[in-house]
C-alpha atoms as a PDB file:
ATOM      1  CA  MET A   1      12.244 -48.440 -52.812  1.00  0.00           C
ATOM      2  CA  SER A   2      14.681 -45.816 -53.171  1.00  0.00           C
ATOM      3  CA  ALA A   3      18.115 -46.462 -55.118  1.00  0.00           C
ATOM      4  CA  GLN A   4      19.980 -45.611 -51.558  1.00  0.00           C
ATOM      5  CA  ASP A   5      17.776 -47.802 -49.819  1.00  0.00           C
ATOM      6  CA  LYS A   6      18.762 -50.641 -51.999  1.00  0.00           C
ATOM      7  CA  SER A   7      22.242 -49.511 -51.667  1.00  0.00           C
ATOM      8  CA  LYS A   8      21.854 -49.532 -47.994  1.00  0.00           C
ATOM      9  CA  GLN A   9      19.888 -53.138 -47.911  1.00  0.00           C
ATOM     10  CA  ILE A  10      23.058 -54.144 -50.140  1.00  0.00           C
ATOM     11  CA  ASP A  11      25.787 -53.944 -47.530  1.00  0.00           C
ATOM     12  CA  GLU A  12      23.794 -54.977 -44.818  1.00  0.00           C
ATOM     13  CA  LEU A  13      23.579 -58.271 -46.973  1.00  0.00           C
ATOM     14  CA  ARG A  14      26.684 -58.441 -47.808  1.00  0.00           C
ATOM     15  CA  SER A  15      27.796 -57.629 -44.117  1.00  0.00           C
ATOM     16  CA  GLN A  16      25.653 -60.292 -43.098  1.00  0.00           C
ATOM     17  CA  ILE A  17      27.214 -62.790 -45.710  1.00  0.00           C
ATOM     18  CA  ALA A  18      30.598 -62.271 -44.444  1.00  0.00           C
ATOM     19  CA  VAL A  19      29.477 -62.901 -40.799  1.00  0.00           C
ATOM     20  CA  LEU A  20      27.786 -66.108 -41.860  1.00  0.00           C
ATOM     21  CA  LYS A  21      31.182 -66.940 -44.111  1.00  0.00           C
ATOM     22  CA  ASP A  22      33.193 -66.260 -40.979  1.00  0.00           C
ATOM     23  CA  GLN A  23      31.112 -68.735 -39.160  1.00  0.00           C
ATOM     24  CA  VAL A  24      31.230 -70.778 -41.806  1.00  0.00           C
ATOM     25  CA  ASN A  25      34.860 -70.931 -41.623  1.00  0.00           C
ATOM     26  CA  LYS A  26      35.216 -71.064 -38.049  1.00  0.00           C
ATOM     27  CA  ALA A  27      32.631 -74.474 -38.068  1.00  0.00           C
ATOM     28  CA  ASP A  28      34.953 -76.275 -40.636  1.00  0.00           C
ATOM     29  CA  ILE A  29      37.409 -75.804 -38.499  1.00  0.00           C
ATOM     30  CA  GLU A  30      35.961 -76.477 -35.586  1.00  0.00           C
ATOM     31  CA  SER A  31      34.800 -79.523 -37.491  1.00  0.00           C
ATOM     32  CA  LYS A  32      37.985 -80.175 -38.382  1.00  0.00           C
ATOM     33  CA  LYS A  33      39.547 -80.542 -34.790  1.00  0.00           C
ATOM     34  CA  LEU A  34      36.037 -82.753 -33.735  1.00  0.00           C
ATOM     35  CA  VAL A  35      36.611 -85.029 -36.899  1.00  0.00           C
ATOM     36  CA  GLU A  36      41.063 -85.498 -35.515  1.00  0.00           C
ATOM     37  CA  LYS A  37      40.262 -85.823 -32.142  1.00  0.00           C
ATOM     38  CA  ARG A  38      37.550 -87.954 -32.735  1.00  0.00           C
ATOM     39  CA  ASP A  39      39.327 -90.327 -34.876  1.00  0.00           C
ATOM     40  CA  GLN A  40      41.961 -90.390 -32.417  1.00  0.00           C
ATOM     41  CA  LEU A  41      39.954 -91.842 -29.930  1.00  0.00           C
ATOM     42  CA  ASN A  42      38.329 -94.194 -32.311  1.00  0.00           C
ATOM     43  CA  VAL A  43      42.258 -95.492 -32.575  1.00  0.00           C
ATOM     44  CA  GLN A  44      42.338 -95.345 -28.838  1.00  0.00           C
ATOM     45  CA  THR A  45      38.937 -97.485 -28.416  1.00  0.00           C
ATOM     46  CA  THR A  46      40.118 -99.901 -31.004  1.00  0.00           C
ATOM     47  CA  LYS A  47      43.490-100.493 -29.524  1.00  0.00           C
ATOM     48  CA  ILE A  48      41.824-100.726 -26.051  1.00  0.00           C
ATOM     49  CA  ASN A  49      39.213-103.057 -27.294  1.00  0.00           C
ATOM     50  CA  THR A  50      42.351-105.147 -28.740  1.00  0.00           C
ATOM     51  CA  GLU A  51      43.726-104.687 -24.947  1.00  0.00           C
ATOM     52  CA  ILE A  52      40.621-106.256 -23.596  1.00  0.00           C
ATOM     53  CA  ARG A  53      40.310-109.292 -26.003  1.00  0.00           C
ATOM     54  CA  ASP A  54      44.405-109.943 -24.783  1.00  0.00           C
ATOM     55  CA  ILE A  55      43.485-110.065 -21.333  1.00  0.00           C
ATOM     56  CA  LYS A  56      40.276-112.403 -21.931  1.00  0.00           C
ATOM     57  CA  LYS A  57      42.026-114.451 -23.438  1.00  0.00           C
ATOM     58  CA  GLU A  58      44.755-114.832 -20.908  1.00  0.00           C
ATOM     59  CA  ARG A  59      41.986-114.461 -18.264  1.00  0.00           C
ATOM     60  CA  ASP A  60      40.399-117.324 -19.694  1.00  0.00           C
ATOM     61  CA  GLU A  61      43.641-119.431 -19.885  1.00  0.00           C
ATOM     62  CA  VAL A  62      44.212-118.681 -16.635  1.00  0.00           C
ATOM     63  CA  ASN A  63      40.782-119.459 -15.553  1.00  0.00           C
ATOM     64  CA  LYS A  64      40.872-122.813 -17.514  1.00  0.00           C
ATOM     65  CA  LYS A  65      44.472-124.032 -15.890  1.00  0.00           C
ATOM     66  CA  VAL A  66      42.222-122.797 -12.373  1.00  0.00           C
ATOM     67  CA  HIS A  67      39.838-125.335 -13.062  1.00  0.00           C
ATOM     68  CA  ALA A  68      42.461-128.186 -14.138  1.00  0.00           C
ATOM     69  CA  LEU A  69      44.489-127.667 -10.737  1.00  0.00           C
ATOM     70  CA  LYS A  70      41.125-127.577  -8.532  1.00  0.00           C
ATOM     71  CA  LEU A  71      39.998-131.100 -10.533  1.00  0.00           C
ATOM     72  CA  GLN A  72      43.693-132.625  -9.589  1.00  0.00           C
ATOM     73  CA  ARG A  73      43.484-131.069  -5.929  1.00  0.00           C
ATOM     74  CA  ASP A  74      39.632-132.803  -5.372  1.00  0.00           C
ATOM     75  CA  LYS A  75      41.016-135.875  -6.637  1.00  0.00           C
ATOM     76  CA  VAL A  76      44.060-135.564  -4.140  1.00  0.00           C
ATOM     77  CA  ARG A  77      41.713-134.931  -1.388  1.00  0.00           C
ATOM     78  CA  VAL A  78      39.155-137.672  -2.601  1.00  0.00           C
ATOM     79  CA  LYS A  79      42.260-140.184  -2.256  1.00  0.00           C
ATOM     80  CA  ILE A  80      42.632-139.007   1.500  1.00  0.00           C
ATOM     81  CA  LYS A  81      39.477-139.550   2.496  1.00  0.00           C
ATOM     82  CA  PRO A  82      39.785-143.712   2.338  1.00  0.00           C
ATOM     83  CA  ILE A  83      43.072-143.476   3.951  1.00  0.00           C
ATOM     84  CA  MET A  84      41.748-141.557   7.047  1.00  0.00           C
ATOM     85  CA  ASP A  85      38.704-144.024   7.271  1.00  0.00           C
ATOM     86  CA  GLU A  86      41.539-146.638   7.155  1.00  0.00           C
ATOM     87  CA  ILE A  87      43.354-145.089   9.798  1.00  0.00           C
ATOM     88  CA  GLN A  88      40.285-144.668  11.771  1.00  0.00           C
ATOM     89  CA  VAL A  89      39.415-148.200  11.732  1.00  0.00           C
ATOM     90  CA  ILE A  90      42.776-148.839  12.559  1.00  0.00           C
ATOM     91  CA  ASN A  91      42.607-146.654  15.513  1.00  0.00           C
ATOM     92  CA  ASP A  92      39.328-148.695  16.598  1.00  0.00           C
ATOM     93  CA  LYS A  93      41.154-151.975  15.915  1.00  0.00           C
ATOM     94  CA  LYS A  94      43.863-150.606  18.176  1.00  0.00           C
ATOM     95  CA  GLU A  95      41.307-149.841  20.927  1.00  0.00           C
ATOM     96  CA  GLU A  96      40.271-153.088  20.874  1.00  0.00           C
ATOM     97  CA  LEU A  97      43.757-154.397  21.497  1.00  0.00           C
ATOM     98  CA  LYS A  98      44.821-152.131  24.022  1.00  0.00           C
ATOM     99  CA  LYS A  99      41.799-153.324  26.078  1.00  0.00           C
ATOM    100  CA  LYS A 100      42.938-157.071  25.727  1.00  0.00           C
ATOM    101  CA  MET A 101      46.694-155.858  26.397  1.00  0.00           C
ATOM    102  CA  PRO A 102      47.941-156.495  30.103  1.00  0.00           C
ATOM    103  CA  HIS A 103      49.114-153.554  32.500  1.00  0.00           C
ATOM    104  CA  ILE A 104      52.368-154.164  31.504  1.00  0.00           C
ATOM    105  CA  ARG A 105      54.601-152.081  29.392  1.00  0.00           C
ATOM    106  CA  GLN A 106      55.894-154.318  26.701  1.00  0.00           C
ATOM    107  CA  LYS A 107      59.306-153.385  27.614  1.00  0.00           C
ATOM    108  CA  ASP A 108      59.137-154.801  31.089  1.00  0.00           C
ATOM    109  CA  ILE A 109      57.235-157.613  29.623  1.00  0.00           C
ATOM    110  CA  GLN A 110      60.271-158.611  27.327  1.00  0.00           C
ATOM    111  CA  LYS A 111      62.808-157.705  30.004  1.00  0.00           C
ATOM    112  CA  GLU A 112      61.203-160.101  32.405  1.00  0.00           C
ATOM    113  CA  ILE A 113      61.300-162.987  29.087  1.00  0.00           C
ATOM    114  CA  ASP A 114      64.995-161.837  28.826  1.00  0.00           C
ATOM    115  CA  LYS A 115      65.484-163.074  32.479  1.00  0.00           C
ATOM    116  CA  ILE A 116      63.628-166.174  32.841  1.00  0.00           C
ATOM    117  CA  ASP A 117      65.616-167.007  29.535  1.00  0.00           C
ATOM    118  CA  TRP A 118      69.018-166.019  31.167  1.00  0.00           C
ATOM    119  CA  LYS A 119      68.163-167.863  34.080  1.00  0.00           C
ATOM    120  CA  ILE A 120      66.961-170.873  32.038  1.00  0.00           C
ATOM    121  CA  GLN A 121      70.317-170.821  30.210  1.00  0.00           C
ATOM    122  CA  THR A 122      72.756-169.975  33.084  1.00  0.00           C
ATOM    123  CA  GLU A 123      71.000-171.999  35.518  1.00  0.00           C
ATOM    124  CA  THR A 124      70.878-176.011  36.806  1.00  0.00           C
ATOM    125  CA  LEU A 125      66.831-176.375  36.868  1.00  0.00           C
ATOM    126  CA  ASP A 126      65.242-179.572  37.889  1.00  0.00           C
ATOM    127  CA  LEU A 127      62.774-180.503  35.119  1.00  0.00           C
ATOM    128  CA  GLN A 128      59.613-178.949  36.521  1.00  0.00           C
ATOM    129  CA  GLU A 129      61.289-175.346  37.375  1.00  0.00           C
ATOM    130  CA  GLU A 130      62.030-175.439  34.056  1.00  0.00           C
ATOM    131  CA  LYS A 131      59.051-176.108  32.780  1.00  0.00           C
ATOM    132  CA  ARG A 132      57.281-173.497  34.777  1.00  0.00           C
ATOM    133  CA  LEU A 133      59.736-170.957  33.475  1.00  0.00           C
ATOM    134  CA  ILE A 134      59.214-172.178  29.940  1.00  0.00           C
ATOM    135  CA  GLY A 135      55.132-171.873  30.840  1.00  0.00           C
ATOM    136  CA  GLU A 136      55.862-168.568  32.173  1.00  0.00           C
ATOM    137  CA  ILE A 137      57.819-167.270  28.749  1.00  0.00           C
ATOM    138  CA  LYS A 138      55.129-168.526  26.689  1.00  0.00           C
ATOM    139  CA  LEU A 139      52.332-166.999  28.764  1.00  0.00           C
ATOM    140  CA  LEU A 140      54.318-163.287  28.712  1.00  0.00           C
ATOM    141  CA  GLU A 141      55.368-164.141  24.562  1.00  0.00           C
ATOM    142  CA  THR A 142      51.184-164.351  24.371  1.00  0.00           C
ATOM    143  CA  GLN A 143      51.057-160.781  26.160  1.00  0.00           C
ATOM    144  CA  LEU A 144      53.651-159.623  23.437  1.00  0.00           C
ATOM    145  CA  VAL A 145      51.305-160.448  20.546  1.00  0.00           C
ATOM    146  CA  GLY A 146      49.284-157.587  21.305  1.00  0.00           C
ATOM    147  CA  TYR A 147      51.693-155.389  21.619  1.00  0.00           C
ATOM    148  CA  ARG A 148      52.880-156.592  18.500  1.00  0.00           C
ATOM    149  CA  LYS A 149      49.527-156.606  16.535  1.00  0.00           C
ATOM    150  CA  LEU A 150      49.587-152.998  17.669  1.00  0.00           C
ATOM    151  CA  GLU A 151      53.239-152.385  16.595  1.00  0.00           C
ATOM    152  CA  LYS A 152      51.711-153.546  13.484  1.00  0.00           C
ATOM    153  CA  GLU A 153      49.030-151.619  13.401  1.00  0.00           C
ATOM    154  CA  ASN A 154      50.904-148.731  14.377  1.00  0.00           C
ATOM    155  CA  LYS A 155      53.265-149.074  10.952  1.00  0.00           C
ATOM    156  CA  LYS A 156      50.127-149.274   8.824  1.00  0.00           C
ATOM    157  CA  ILE A 157      48.751-145.940  10.600  1.00  0.00           C
ATOM    158  CA  GLY A 158      52.589-144.632   9.966  1.00  0.00           C
ATOM    159  CA  GLU A 159      52.524-145.943   6.484  1.00  0.00           C
ATOM    160  CA  TYR A 160      48.764-144.652   6.047  1.00  0.00           C
ATOM    161  CA  ILE A 161      50.152-141.100   7.448  1.00  0.00           C
ATOM    162  CA  HIS A 162      52.616-140.585   5.072  1.00  0.00           C
ATOM    163  CA  GLU A 163      50.802-141.871   2.398  1.00  0.00           C
ATOM    164  CA  ARG A 164      48.190-138.428   3.506  1.00  0.00           C
ATOM    165  CA  LYS A 165      51.300-136.391   3.917  1.00  0.00           C
ATOM    166  CA  ALA A 166      52.281-137.165   0.285  1.00  0.00           C
ATOM    167  CA  LEU A 167      49.035-136.260  -0.786  1.00  0.00           C
ATOM    168  CA  ASP A 168      48.427-133.442   1.541  1.00  0.00           C
ATOM    169  CA  ALA A 169      51.358-131.659  -0.002  1.00  0.00           C
ATOM    170  CA  GLU A 170      50.565-132.458  -3.288  1.00  0.00           C
ATOM    171  CA  ALA A 171      46.617-131.225  -2.849  1.00  0.00           C
ATOM    172  CA  GLU A 172      49.038-127.843  -0.874  1.00  0.00           C
ATOM    173  CA  SER A 173      51.003-127.613  -3.869  1.00  0.00           C
ATOM    174  CA  PHE A 174      48.244-127.445  -6.319  1.00  0.00           C
ATOM    175  CA  HIS A 175      46.103-125.136  -3.934  1.00  0.00           C
ATOM    176  CA  LYS A 176      49.561-123.045  -3.925  1.00  0.00           C
ATOM    177  CA  GLU A 177      49.792-122.872  -7.553  1.00  0.00           C
ATOM    178  CA  LEU A 178      45.680-122.626  -7.990  1.00  0.00           C
ATOM    179  CA  SER A 179      45.955-119.171  -5.667  1.00  0.00           C
ATOM    180  CA  VAL A 180      48.589-117.868  -7.428  1.00  0.00           C
ATOM    181  CA  LEU A 181      46.414-118.315 -10.354  1.00  0.00           C
ATOM    182  CA  ALA A 182      43.300-117.329  -8.862  1.00  0.00           C
ATOM    183  CA  ASP A 183      44.713-114.169  -7.861  1.00  0.00           C
ATOM    184  CA  ARG A 184      45.981-113.505 -11.718  1.00  0.00           C
ATOM    185  CA  SER A 185      42.551-113.935 -12.749  1.00  0.00           C
ATOM    186  CA  GLN A 186      41.116-111.786 -10.761  1.00  0.00           C
ATOM    187  CA  HIS A 187      43.943-109.216 -11.722  1.00  0.00           C
ATOM    188  CA  LEU A 188      43.095-109.726 -15.190  1.00  0.00           C
ATOM    189  CA  HIS A 189      39.318-110.131 -14.361  1.00  0.00           C
ATOM    190  CA  GLU A 190      39.944-106.078 -12.608  1.00  0.00           C
ATOM    191  CA  SER A 191      42.094-104.945 -15.433  1.00  0.00           C
ATOM    192  CA  MET A 192      39.612-105.993 -17.953  1.00  0.00           C
ATOM    193  CA  ILE A 193      36.621-104.207 -16.183  1.00  0.00           C
ATOM    194  CA  ALA A 194      39.089-100.844 -15.780  1.00  0.00           C
ATOM    195  CA  LYS A 195      39.697-101.440 -19.514  1.00  0.00           C
ATOM    196  CA  ILE A 196      36.250-102.030 -20.451  1.00  0.00           C
ATOM    197  CA  ALA A 197      35.209 -98.363 -18.305  1.00  0.00           C
ATOM    198  CA  GLU A 198      37.993 -96.718 -20.042  1.00  0.00           C
ATOM    199  CA  VAL A 199      36.874 -97.948 -23.448  1.00  0.00           C
ATOM    200  CA  ARG A 200      33.105 -96.937 -22.432  1.00  0.00           C
ATOM    201  CA  LYS A 201      34.324 -93.599 -21.665  1.00  0.00           C
ATOM    202  CA  VAL A 202      36.358 -93.375 -24.319  1.00  0.00           C
ATOM    203  CA  LYS A 203      33.721 -94.442 -26.825  1.00  0.00           C
ATOM    204  CA  GLU A 204      30.888 -91.575 -25.302  1.00  0.00           C
ATOM    205  CA  GLU A 205      33.345 -89.059 -25.610  1.00  0.00           C
ATOM    206  CA  ALA A 206      34.155 -90.159 -29.294  1.00  0.00           C
ATOM    207  CA  ASP A 207      30.099 -90.510 -29.936  1.00  0.00           C
ATOM    208  CA  ALA A 208      29.814 -87.114 -28.427  1.00  0.00           C
ATOM    209  CA  LEU A 209      32.796 -85.589 -30.475  1.00  0.00           C
ATOM    210  CA  HIS A 210      30.769 -86.944 -33.358  1.00  0.00           C
ATOM    211  CA  LYS A 211      27.126 -85.965 -32.672  1.00  0.00           C
ATOM    212  CA  GLY A 212      29.145 -82.321 -32.397  1.00  0.00           C
ATOM    213  CA  PHE A 213      30.622 -82.943 -36.192  1.00  0.00           C
ATOM    214  CA  ILE A 214      27.194 -83.619 -36.843  1.00  0.00           C
ATOM    215  CA  GLU A 215      25.383 -80.721 -35.668  1.00  0.00           C
ATOM    216  CA  SER A 216      28.206 -78.551 -36.404  1.00  0.00           C
ATOM    217  CA  LYS A 217      28.199 -80.059 -40.200  1.00  0.00           C
ATOM    218  CA  GLU A 218      24.176 -79.316 -40.355  1.00  0.00           C
ATOM    219  CA  LYS A 219      24.413 -75.863 -38.745  1.00  0.00           C
ATOM    220  CA  THR A 220      27.493 -75.035 -41.508  1.00  0.00           C
ATOM    221  CA  ARG A 221      24.905 -76.335 -44.058  1.00  0.00           C
ATOM    222  CA  ASN A 222      22.467 -74.022 -42.906  1.00  0.00           C
ATOM    223  CA  ALA A 223      24.694 -71.413 -43.042  1.00  0.00           C
ATOM    224  CA  ARG A 224      25.881 -71.896 -46.258  1.00  0.00           C
ATOM    225  CA  VAL A 225      22.017 -72.226 -47.821  1.00  0.00           C
ATOM    226  CA  GLU A 226      21.376 -68.742 -46.159  1.00  0.00           C
ATOM    227  CA  ILE A 227      24.450 -67.475 -47.520  1.00  0.00           C
ATOM    228  CA  ALA A 228      23.393 -68.461 -51.185  1.00  0.00           C
ATOM    229  CA  VAL A 229      19.431 -66.917 -50.279  1.00  0.00           C
ATOM    230  CA  LEU A 230      21.334 -63.621 -49.193  1.00  0.00           C
ATOM    231  CA  THR A 231      23.495 -63.544 -51.932  1.00  0.00           C
ATOM    232  CA  GLY A 232      20.865 -64.350 -54.193  1.00  0.00           C
ATOM    233  CA  GLN A 233      18.799 -61.463 -52.559  1.00  0.00           C
ATOM    234  CA  MET A 234      22.042 -59.158 -52.499  1.00  0.00           C
ATOM    235  CA  LEU A 235      22.883 -60.279 -56.609  1.00  0.00           C
ATOM    236  CA  GLY A 236      19.143 -59.057 -57.349  1.00  0.00           C
ATOM    237  CA  LEU A 237      19.099 -56.311 -55.782  1.00  0.00           C
ATOM    238  CA  ARG A 238      22.269 -55.328 -56.744  1.00  0.00           C
ATOM    239  CA  ASN A 239      20.880 -56.028 -60.427  1.00  0.00           C
ATOM    240  CA  THR A 240      17.879 -54.009 -60.427  1.00  0.00           C
ATOM    241  CA  LEU A 241      20.122 -51.157 -59.012  1.00  0.00           C
ATOM    242  CA  ARG A 242      22.458 -51.407 -61.839  1.00  0.00           C
ATOM    243  CA  GLU A 243      19.215 -51.530 -63.998  1.00  0.00           C
ATOM    244  CA  GLU A 244      17.923 -48.516 -62.353  1.00  0.00           C
ATOM    245  CA  ASN A 245      21.278 -46.498 -62.275  1.00  0.00           C
ATOM    246  CA  LYS A 246      21.507 -47.365 -65.983  1.00  0.00           C
ATOM    247  CA  GLU A 247      17.991 -45.960 -67.043  1.00  0.00           C
ATOM    248  CA  LEU A 248      19.006 -43.022 -64.781  1.00  0.00           C
ATOM    249  CA  ARG A 249      22.352 -42.422 -66.296  1.00  0.00           C
ATOM    250  CA  GLU A 250      20.618 -42.835 -69.843  1.00  0.00           C
ATOM    251  CA  LYS A 251      18.123 -40.484 -68.832  1.00  0.00           C
ATOM    252  CA  GLN A 252      20.757 -37.846 -67.757  1.00  0.00           C
ATOM    253  CA  LEU A 253      22.469 -38.378 -70.783  1.00  0.00           C
ATOM    254  CA  ALA A 254      19.196 -37.630 -72.941  1.00  0.00           C
ATOM    255  CA  GLU A 255      18.422 -34.855 -70.839  1.00  0.00           C
ATOM    256  CA  ARG A 256      21.875 -33.573 -71.061  1.00  0.00           C
ATOM    257  CA  ALA A 257      21.936 -34.173 -74.845  1.00  0.00           C
ATOM    258  CA  LYS A 258      18.765 -32.075 -74.856  1.00  0.00           C
ATOM    259  CA  VAL A 259      20.143 -29.233 -72.773  1.00  0.00           C
ATOM    260  CA  MET A 260      22.758 -28.929 -75.152  1.00  0.00           C
ATOM    261  CA  VAL A 261      20.527 -29.074 -78.204  1.00  0.00           C
ATOM    262  CA  GLU A 262      18.840 -26.495 -76.418  1.00  0.00           C
ATOM    263  CA  ARG A 263      21.990 -24.458 -75.920  1.00  0.00           C
ATOM    264  CA  GLN A 264      23.154 -24.561 -79.564  1.00  0.00           C
ATOM    265  CA  LYS A 265      19.553 -23.474 -80.775  1.00  0.00           C
ATOM    266  CA  GLU A 266      20.007 -20.955 -78.145  1.00  0.00           C
ATOM    267  CA  LYS A 267      23.286 -19.863 -79.759  1.00  0.00           C
ATOM    268  CA  GLU A 268      22.805 -20.276 -83.111  1.00  0.00           C
ATOM    269  CA  VAL A 269      19.718 -17.702 -82.265  1.00  0.00           C
ATOM    270  CA  ALA A 270      22.077 -15.420 -80.260  1.00  0.00           C
ATOM    271  CA  ASP A 271      24.500 -15.563 -83.133  1.00  0.00           C
ATOM    272  CA  GLU A 272      22.267 -14.935 -85.609  1.00  0.00           C
ATOM    273  CA  ILE A 273      20.953 -12.125 -83.420  1.00  0.00           C
ATOM    274  CA  LYS A 274      24.535 -10.642 -83.028  1.00  0.00           C
ATOM    275  CA  ASN A 275      24.773 -11.112 -86.829  1.00  0.00           C
ATOM    276  CA  GLN A 276      21.982  -9.510 -88.006  1.00  0.00           C
ATOM    277  CA  LYS A 277      22.885  -6.611 -85.274  1.00  0.00           C
ATOM    278  CA  LEU A 278      26.204  -6.593 -86.876  1.00  0.00           C
ATOM    279  CA  LEU A 279      24.765  -6.164 -90.350  1.00  0.00           C
ATOM    280  CA  ASP A 280      22.309  -3.233 -88.825  1.00  0.00           C
ATOM    281  CA  ASP A 281      25.094  -1.471 -87.300  1.00  0.00           C
ATOM    282  CA  GLN A 282      27.276  -1.102 -90.185  1.00  0.00           C
ATOM    283  CA  ALA A 283      24.209  -0.375 -92.753  1.00  0.00           C
ATOM    284  CA  LEU A 284      23.378   2.494 -90.071  1.00  0.00           C
ATOM    285  CA  MET A 285      27.098   3.383 -89.907  1.00  0.00           C
ATOM    286  CA  SER A 286      27.447   3.265 -94.058  1.00  0.00           C
ATOM    287  CA  LYS A 287      24.058   5.244 -94.390  1.00  0.00           C
ATOM    288  CA  LEU A 288      25.676   7.577 -91.390  1.00  0.00           C
ATOM    289  CA  GLY A 289      28.825   7.874 -93.057  1.00  0.00           C
ATOM    290  CA  ALA A 290      27.417   8.362 -96.668  1.00  0.00           C
ATOM    291  CA  GLN A 291      25.340  11.172 -95.362  1.00  0.00           C
ATOM    292  CA  ALA A 292      28.535  12.483 -93.483  1.00  0.00           C
ATOM    293  CA  LYS A 293      30.319  12.691 -96.770  1.00  0.00           C
ATOM    294  CA  GLU A 294      27.628  14.491 -98.333  1.00  0.00           C
ATOM    295  CA  LYS A 295      27.749  16.883 -95.543  1.00  0.00           C
ATOM    296  CA  LEU A 296      31.389  17.646 -96.427  1.00  0.00           C
ATOM    297  CA  VAL A 297      30.743  17.662 -99.519  1.00  0.00           C
ATOM    298  CA  LYS A 298      28.504  20.394 -99.536  1.00  0.00           C
ATOM    299  CA  GLY A 299      30.512  21.985 -97.019  1.00  0.00           C
ATOM    300  CA  GLU A 300      28.450  21.195 -93.573  1.00  0.00           C
ATOM    301  CA  LYS A 301      29.821  21.528 -90.542  1.00  0.00           C
ATOM    302  CA  LEU A 302      30.123  18.043 -88.982  1.00  0.00           C
ATOM    303  CA  SER A 303      29.910  16.671 -85.375  1.00  0.00           C
ATOM    304  CA  TRP A 304      32.696  14.807 -83.935  1.00  0.00           C
ATOM    305  CA  ASN A 305      30.781  11.133 -84.431  1.00  0.00           C
ATOM    306  CA  GLU A 306      30.189  12.139 -88.253  1.00  0.00           C
ATOM    307  CA  PHE A 307      33.870  13.109 -88.264  1.00  0.00           C
ATOM    308  CA  GLN A 308      34.830   9.992 -86.704  1.00  0.00           C
ATOM    309  CA  LEU A 309      32.759   7.863 -89.124  1.00  0.00           C
ATOM    310  CA  ILE A 310      34.339   9.326 -92.688  1.00  0.00           C
ATOM    311  CA  ALA A 311      37.501   8.677 -90.578  1.00  0.00           C
ATOM    312  CA  SER A 312      37.073   5.093 -90.069  1.00  0.00           C
ATOM    313  CA  ASP A 313      35.831   4.577 -93.573  1.00  0.00           C
ATOM    314  CA  ASP A 314      39.238   6.059 -94.369  1.00  0.00           C
ATOM    315  CA  GLU A 315      40.651   3.588 -92.825  1.00  0.00           C
ATOM    316  CA  SER A 316      39.089   0.802 -93.768  1.00  0.00           C
ATOM    317  CA  GLU A 317      39.443   1.766 -97.623  1.00  0.00           C
ATOM    318  CA  ASP A 318      43.212   2.020 -97.111  1.00  0.00           C
ATOM    319  CA  ALA A 319      42.884  -1.352 -95.130  1.00  0.00           C
ATOM    320  CA  ASP A 320      41.255  -2.736 -98.457  1.00  0.00           C
ATOM    321  CA  THR A 321      43.233  -0.943-101.001  1.00  0.00           C
ATOM    322  CA  GLN A 322      46.112  -2.804 -98.856  1.00  0.00           C
ATOM    323  CA  LYS A 323      45.385  -6.303 -99.454  1.00  0.00           C
END
């Protein structure tokens, strides 16, 4: 793999790691929100459960009162039955008495007794007539005995009816109170059922949030593991690329040093050649100058170049003299 390919792969890994880190950050934020909402729901669940316990406690207390009132009402009703039985017995007895009663009203009998008694007291009667009238009174009074017995039985019935009404009123009072408490118990029970449904719904929501939190943490953990793996790969490639770059730089430096040495050698050779050429030129010029001077001494004709050589030599000698 070339260095360019490795650099490209490092950039790709860096991009993947950045994406994963962004996902982890978002997942952490989401996990925090899930935990906060879950904890709020758990607090709400605890509160509702407390309310349910309070409602159940109140309902149970009401049910105890309802049970106690039912017992009291039933006890009263138990007392009513023998009273009704007694009333029935008396009514049966009255029916028997009525069968023996004369077909004349009680007040008519009493009026007749009073009339006969008044007659005995106000009129002069012979002994036989008086006895007859007294006998009629006794007979009429005998007929009144049945009415008196009937009155006595009616009085008993009245007493029993009064007692029964008192018991009915007591039973009705218990029943009314019982009905109110029964309604209260039913209301509490319905309220408790509603609260149970509510807490079940809240708990299901809290459980779902907790599950989401666990899944989010698992994804985060997997993402972090993947980040670690990718980071390891990236660092490995980076170290490899760094070593390769180091070797390349060292190689380049070595090649550059080699080139510089070769250039230095070439320069030294060129300088040596140049110096040698300069020496050769100077030697040639000296030789030509000497030949030109020799020709000048001999009076021979000089060329322009030869004349310049002699002039140049003179200038050089003058310069050396001034030094």
